[in-house]
């Protein structure tokens, strides 16, 4: 047995080998090229199919997300409005803020603004700033800033 060739049976003479018929190697090469082309076409088709599938799934996902956003917007429009503190919205309180600070609002509206301010730190901050500016008193401004700092410290404590 030859160490370089592990095949057990080795021809003893060259008579066992015969020449290939004319054109058989050309046909073999052309068949192999066609197989390679077909293999490349199949691979390309698989890649294209995968890309189309991913794109289609992505398209459906985006449409579903935008559809759910539209649905939630429609639901929000038809849903009853969330009750606001004191029965007034922030924009209404801020619209009456100067009259509130000047004590020129009627008693009913003043009570509603007071109830709103008790539950809304944003509006309370605006009213405190208006009061401080209206009186132009350094003590009021300092108190408003201290109140704001205390509120911010409270919020920071909640976030930790």
C-alpha atoms as a PDB file:
ATOM      1  CA  UNK A   1       0.000   0.000   0.000  1.00  0.00           C
ATOM      2  CA  UNK A   2       1.272   3.444  -0.941  1.00  0.00           C
ATOM      3  CA  UNK A   3       1.418   5.932   1.917  1.00  0.00           C
ATOM      4  CA  UNK A   4       0.475   8.868  -0.341  1.00  0.00           C
ATOM      5  CA  UNK A   5      -2.544   7.115  -1.821  1.00  0.00           C
ATOM      6  CA  UNK A   6      -4.696   5.253   0.722  1.00  0.00           C
ATOM      7  CA  UNK A   7      -6.707   3.398  -1.920  1.00  0.00           C
ATOM      8  CA  UNK A   8      -6.139  -0.317  -1.542  1.00  0.00           C
ATOM      9  CA  UNK A   9      -6.609  -1.264  -5.163  1.00  0.00           C
ATOM     10  CA  UNK A  10      -4.124   0.302  -7.512  1.00  0.00           C
ATOM     11  CA  UNK A  11      -3.977  -0.464 -11.200  1.00  0.00           C
ATOM     12  CA  UNK A  12      -0.981  -2.503 -12.164  1.00  0.00           C
ATOM     13  CA  UNK A  13      -0.842  -1.287 -15.668  1.00  0.00           C
ATOM     14  CA  UNK A  14      -2.044   1.664 -17.589  1.00  0.00           C
ATOM     15  CA  UNK A  15      -4.100  -0.594 -19.771  1.00  0.00           C
ATOM     16  CA  UNK A  16      -6.929  -0.461 -17.246  1.00  0.00           C
ATOM     17  CA  UNK A  17      -7.215   3.292 -17.820  1.00  0.00           C
ATOM     18  CA  UNK A  18      -8.897   4.418 -20.969  1.00  0.00           C
ATOM     19  CA  UNK A  19      -9.199   7.809 -22.557  1.00  0.00           C
ATOM     20  CA  UNK A  20     -12.420   9.792 -22.234  1.00  0.00           C
ATOM     21  CA  UNK A  21     -14.605  10.085 -25.290  1.00  0.00           C
ATOM     22  CA  UNK A  22     -14.292  13.356 -27.143  1.00  0.00           C
ATOM     23  CA  UNK A  23     -16.325  16.188 -25.575  1.00  0.00           C
ATOM     24  CA  UNK A  24     -17.180  14.352 -22.356  1.00  0.00           C
ATOM     25  CA  UNK A  25     -15.047  16.699 -20.219  1.00  0.00           C
ATOM     26  CA  UNK A  26     -16.682  19.732 -21.875  1.00  0.00           C
ATOM     27  CA  UNK A  27     -20.125  18.330 -21.104  1.00  0.00           C
ATOM     28  CA  UNK A  28     -19.064  17.651 -17.512  1.00  0.00           C
ATOM     29  CA  UNK A  29     -17.762  21.213 -17.101  1.00  0.00           C
ATOM     30  CA  UNK A  30     -20.906  22.719 -18.628  1.00  0.00           C
ATOM     31  CA  UNK A  31     -23.129  20.590 -16.337  1.00  0.00           C
ATOM     32  CA  UNK A  32     -21.137  21.719 -13.311  1.00  0.00           C
ATOM     33  CA  UNK A  33     -21.413  25.379 -14.388  1.00  0.00           C
ATOM     34  CA  UNK A  34     -25.183  25.028 -14.794  1.00  0.00           C
ATOM     35  CA  UNK A  35     -25.437  23.437 -11.346  1.00  0.00           C
ATOM     36  CA  UNK A  36     -23.445  26.305  -9.869  1.00  0.00           C
ATOM     37  CA  UNK A  37     -25.681  28.866 -11.607  1.00  0.00           C
ATOM     38  CA  UNK A  38     -28.794  27.087 -10.360  1.00  0.00           C
ATOM     39  CA  UNK A  39     -27.346  26.970  -6.857  1.00  0.00           C
ATOM     40  CA  UNK A  40     -26.675  30.733  -6.975  1.00  0.00           C
ATOM     41  CA  UNK A  41     -30.215  31.377  -8.267  1.00  0.00           C
ATOM     42  CA  UNK A  42     -31.733  29.310  -5.475  1.00  0.00           C
ATOM     43  CA  UNK A  43     -29.616  31.074  -2.845  1.00  0.00           C
ATOM     44  CA  UNK A  44     -30.610  34.465  -4.285  1.00  0.00           C
ATOM     45  CA  UNK A  45     -34.282  33.473  -4.287  1.00  0.00           C
ATOM     46  CA  UNK A  46     -34.029  32.342  -0.655  1.00  0.00           C
ATOM     47  CA  UNK A  47     -32.416  35.629   0.353  1.00  0.00           C
ATOM     48  CA  UNK A  48     -35.023  37.630  -1.578  1.00  0.00           C
ATOM     49  CA  UNK A  49     -37.842  35.635   0.037  1.00  0.00           C
ATOM     50  CA  UNK A  50     -36.408  36.218   3.504  1.00  0.00           C
ATOM     51  CA  UNK A  51     -36.049  39.968   2.840  1.00  0.00           C
ATOM     52  CA  UNK A  52     -39.606  40.194   1.543  1.00  0.00           C
ATOM     53  CA  UNK A  53     -40.922  38.291   4.566  1.00  0.00           C
ATOM     54  CA  UNK A  54     -39.069  40.562   7.000  1.00  0.00           C
ATOM     55  CA  UNK A  55     -40.217  43.644   5.102  1.00  0.00           C
ATOM     56  CA  UNK A  56     -43.823  42.466   5.077  1.00  0.00           C
ATOM     57  CA  UNK A  57     -43.751  41.701   8.795  1.00  0.00           C
ATOM     58  CA  UNK A  58     -42.202  45.108   9.461  1.00  0.00           C
ATOM     59  CA  UNK A  59     -44.830  46.797   7.302  1.00  0.00           C
ATOM     60  CA  UNK A  60     -47.620  45.051   9.186  1.00  0.00           C
ATOM     61  CA  UNK A  61     -46.028  45.922  12.516  1.00  0.00           C
ATOM     62  CA  UNK A  62     -45.755  49.610  11.637  1.00  0.00           C
ATOM     63  CA  UNK A  63     -49.324  49.705  10.371  1.00  0.00           C
ATOM     64  CA  UNK A  64     -50.523  47.971  13.497  1.00  0.00           C
ATOM     65  CA  UNK A  65     -48.657  50.442  15.703  1.00  0.00           C
ATOM     66  CA  UNK A  66     -49.995  53.444  13.821  1.00  0.00           C
ATOM     67  CA  UNK A  67     -53.440  51.873  13.764  1.00  0.00           C
ATOM     68  CA  UNK A  68     -53.370  51.341  17.514  1.00  0.00           C
ATOM     69  CA  UNK A  69     -52.196  54.931  17.996  1.00  0.00           C
ATOM     70  CA  UNK A  70     -55.092  56.164  15.858  1.00  0.00           C
ATOM     71  CA  UNK A  71     -57.456  53.935  17.790  1.00  0.00           C
ATOM     72  CA  UNK A  72     -56.230  55.223  21.136  1.00  0.00           C
ATOM     73  CA  UNK A  73     -56.579  58.817  19.878  1.00  0.00           C
ATOM     74  CA  UNK A  74     -60.139  58.075  18.773  1.00  0.00           C
ATOM     75  CA  UNK A  75     -60.890  56.442  22.104  1.00  0.00           C
ATOM     76  CA  UNK A  76     -59.449  59.445  23.923  1.00  0.00           C
ATOM     77  CA  UNK A  77     -61.645  61.789  21.909  1.00  0.00           C
ATOM     78  CA  UNK A  78     -64.801  59.823  22.721  1.00  0.00           C
ATOM     79  CA  UNK A  79     -63.886  59.051  26.322  1.00  0.00           C
ATOM     80  CA  UNK A  80     -65.320  61.324  28.966  1.00  0.00           C
ATOM     81  CA  UNK A  81     -62.940  64.044  30.091  1.00  0.00           C
ATOM     82  CA  UNK A  82     -60.965  63.279  33.216  1.00  0.00           C
ATOM     83  CA  UNK A  83     -62.242  65.334  36.113  1.00  0.00           C
ATOM     84  CA  UNK A  84     -59.888  68.141  36.972  1.00  0.00           C
ATOM     85  CA  UNK A  85     -59.109  69.493  40.437  1.00  0.00           C
ATOM     86  CA  UNK A  86     -61.761  71.925  41.587  1.00  0.00           C
ATOM     87  CA  UNK A  87     -63.707  71.487  38.361  1.00  0.00           C
ATOM     88  CA  UNK A  88     -61.338  73.795  36.462  1.00  0.00           C
ATOM     89  CA  UNK A  89     -58.645  72.993  33.949  1.00  0.00           C
ATOM     90  CA  UNK A  90     -55.193  74.546  34.291  1.00  0.00           C
ATOM     91  CA  UNK A  91     -55.792  76.847  31.328  1.00  0.00           C
ATOM     92  CA  UNK A  92     -58.946  78.178  33.018  1.00  0.00           C
ATOM     93  CA  UNK A  93     -57.147  78.783  36.305  1.00  0.00           C
ATOM     94  CA  UNK A  94     -54.290  80.577  34.548  1.00  0.00           C
ATOM     95  CA  UNK A  95     -56.808  82.678  32.599  1.00  0.00           C
ATOM     96  CA  UNK A  96     -58.265  83.925  35.914  1.00  0.00           C
ATOM     97  CA  UNK A  97     -54.921  84.074  37.751  1.00  0.00           C
ATOM     98  CA  UNK A  98     -54.556  87.873  37.781  1.00  0.00           C
ATOM     99  CA  UNK A  99     -58.096  88.358  39.063  1.00  0.00           C
ATOM    100  CA  UNK A 100     -57.506  85.658  41.688  1.00  0.00           C
ATOM    101  CA  UNK A 101     -54.351  87.360  42.939  1.00  0.00           C
ATOM    102  CA  UNK A 102     -56.157  90.730  42.972  1.00  0.00           C
ATOM    103  CA  UNK A 103     -59.112  89.146  44.870  1.00  0.00           C
ATOM    104  CA  UNK A 104     -61.616  90.305  42.236  1.00  0.00           C
ATOM    105  CA  UNK A 105     -63.162  86.909  41.417  1.00  0.00           C
ATOM    106  CA  UNK A 106     -66.617  85.956  42.674  1.00  0.00           C
ATOM    107  CA  UNK A 107     -66.780  83.612  45.643  1.00  0.00           C
ATOM    108  CA  UNK A 108     -67.825  80.503  43.648  1.00  0.00           C
ATOM    109  CA  UNK A 109     -64.965  80.836  41.155  1.00  0.00           C
ATOM    110  CA  UNK A 110     -62.492  81.640  43.951  1.00  0.00           C
ATOM    111  CA  UNK A 111     -63.468  78.405  45.726  1.00  0.00           C
ATOM    112  CA  UNK A 112     -62.979  76.420  42.522  1.00  0.00           C
ATOM    113  CA  UNK A 113     -59.546  78.006  41.964  1.00  0.00           C
ATOM    114  CA  UNK A 114     -58.602  77.276  45.601  1.00  0.00           C
ATOM    115  CA  UNK A 115     -59.638  73.624  45.176  1.00  0.00           C
ATOM    116  CA  UNK A 116     -57.652  73.387  41.951  1.00  0.00           C
ATOM    117  CA  UNK A 117     -54.560  74.958  43.501  1.00  0.00           C
ATOM    118  CA  UNK A 118     -54.712  72.498  46.407  1.00  0.00           C
ATOM    119  CA  UNK A 119     -54.211  69.607  43.952  1.00  0.00           C
ATOM    120  CA  UNK A 120     -52.120  71.221  41.194  1.00  0.00           C
ATOM    121  CA  UNK A 121     -48.541  72.230  42.063  1.00  0.00           C
ATOM    122  CA  UNK A 122     -47.979  73.625  38.561  1.00  0.00           C
ATOM    123  CA  UNK A 123     -50.747  76.199  38.879  1.00  0.00           C
ATOM    124  CA  UNK A 124     -49.828  76.868  42.515  1.00  0.00           C
ATOM    125  CA  UNK A 125     -46.304  77.767  41.376  1.00  0.00           C
ATOM    126  CA  UNK A 126     -47.676  80.176  38.764  1.00  0.00           C
ATOM    127  CA  UNK A 127     -49.993  81.831  41.289  1.00  0.00           C
ATOM    128  CA  UNK A 128     -47.150  82.146  43.812  1.00  0.00           C
ATOM    129  CA  UNK A 129     -45.014  83.835  41.160  1.00  0.00           C
ATOM    130  CA  UNK A 130     -47.836  86.218  40.297  1.00  0.00           C
ATOM    131  CA  UNK A 131     -48.365  87.060  43.963  1.00  0.00           C
ATOM    132  CA  UNK A 132     -44.654  87.686  44.455  1.00  0.00           C
ATOM    133  CA  UNK A 133     -44.494  89.906  41.381  1.00  0.00           C
ATOM    134  CA  UNK A 134     -47.737  91.727  42.257  1.00  0.00           C
ATOM    135  CA  UNK A 135     -46.488  92.708  45.678  1.00  0.00           C
ATOM    136  CA  UNK A 136     -42.905  93.012  44.525  1.00  0.00           C
ATOM    137  CA  UNK A 137     -42.012  91.922  47.991  1.00  0.00           C
ATOM    138  CA  UNK A 138     -38.679  90.193  48.496  1.00  0.00           C
ATOM    139  CA  UNK A 139     -40.144  88.141  51.356  1.00  0.00           C
ATOM    140  CA  UNK A 140     -42.953  86.807  49.161  1.00  0.00           C
ATOM    141  CA  UNK A 141     -40.506  86.016  46.367  1.00  0.00           C
ATOM    142  CA  UNK A 142     -38.265  84.200  48.823  1.00  0.00           C
ATOM    143  CA  UNK A 143     -41.233  82.246  50.215  1.00  0.00           C
ATOM    144  CA  UNK A 144     -42.327  81.310  46.698  1.00  0.00           C
ATOM    145  CA  UNK A 145     -38.825  80.130  45.821  1.00  0.00           C
ATOM    146  CA  UNK A 146     -38.616  78.130  49.071  1.00  0.00           C
ATOM    147  CA  UNK A 147     -41.976  76.549  48.351  1.00  0.00           C
ATOM    148  CA  UNK A 148     -40.822  75.685  44.829  1.00  0.00           C
ATOM    149  CA  UNK A 149     -37.533  74.249  46.145  1.00  0.00           C
ATOM    150  CA  UNK A 150     -39.426  72.170  48.707  1.00  0.00           C
ATOM    151  CA  UNK A 151     -41.702  70.823  45.982  1.00  0.00           C
ATOM    152  CA  UNK A 152     -38.749  69.951  43.740  1.00  0.00           C
ATOM    153  CA  UNK A 153     -36.992  68.234  46.665  1.00  0.00           C
ATOM    154  CA  UNK A 154     -40.161  66.240  47.296  1.00  0.00           C
ATOM    155  CA  UNK A 155     -40.294  65.171  43.646  1.00  0.00           C
ATOM    156  CA  UNK A 156     -36.619  64.176  43.709  1.00  0.00           C
ATOM    157  CA  UNK A 157     -37.231  62.105  46.833  1.00  0.00           C
ATOM    158  CA  UNK A 158     -40.100  60.316  45.078  1.00  0.00           C
ATOM    159  CA  UNK A 159     -37.930  59.494  42.057  1.00  0.00           C
ATOM    160  CA  UNK A 160     -35.197  57.903  44.130  1.00  0.00           C
END
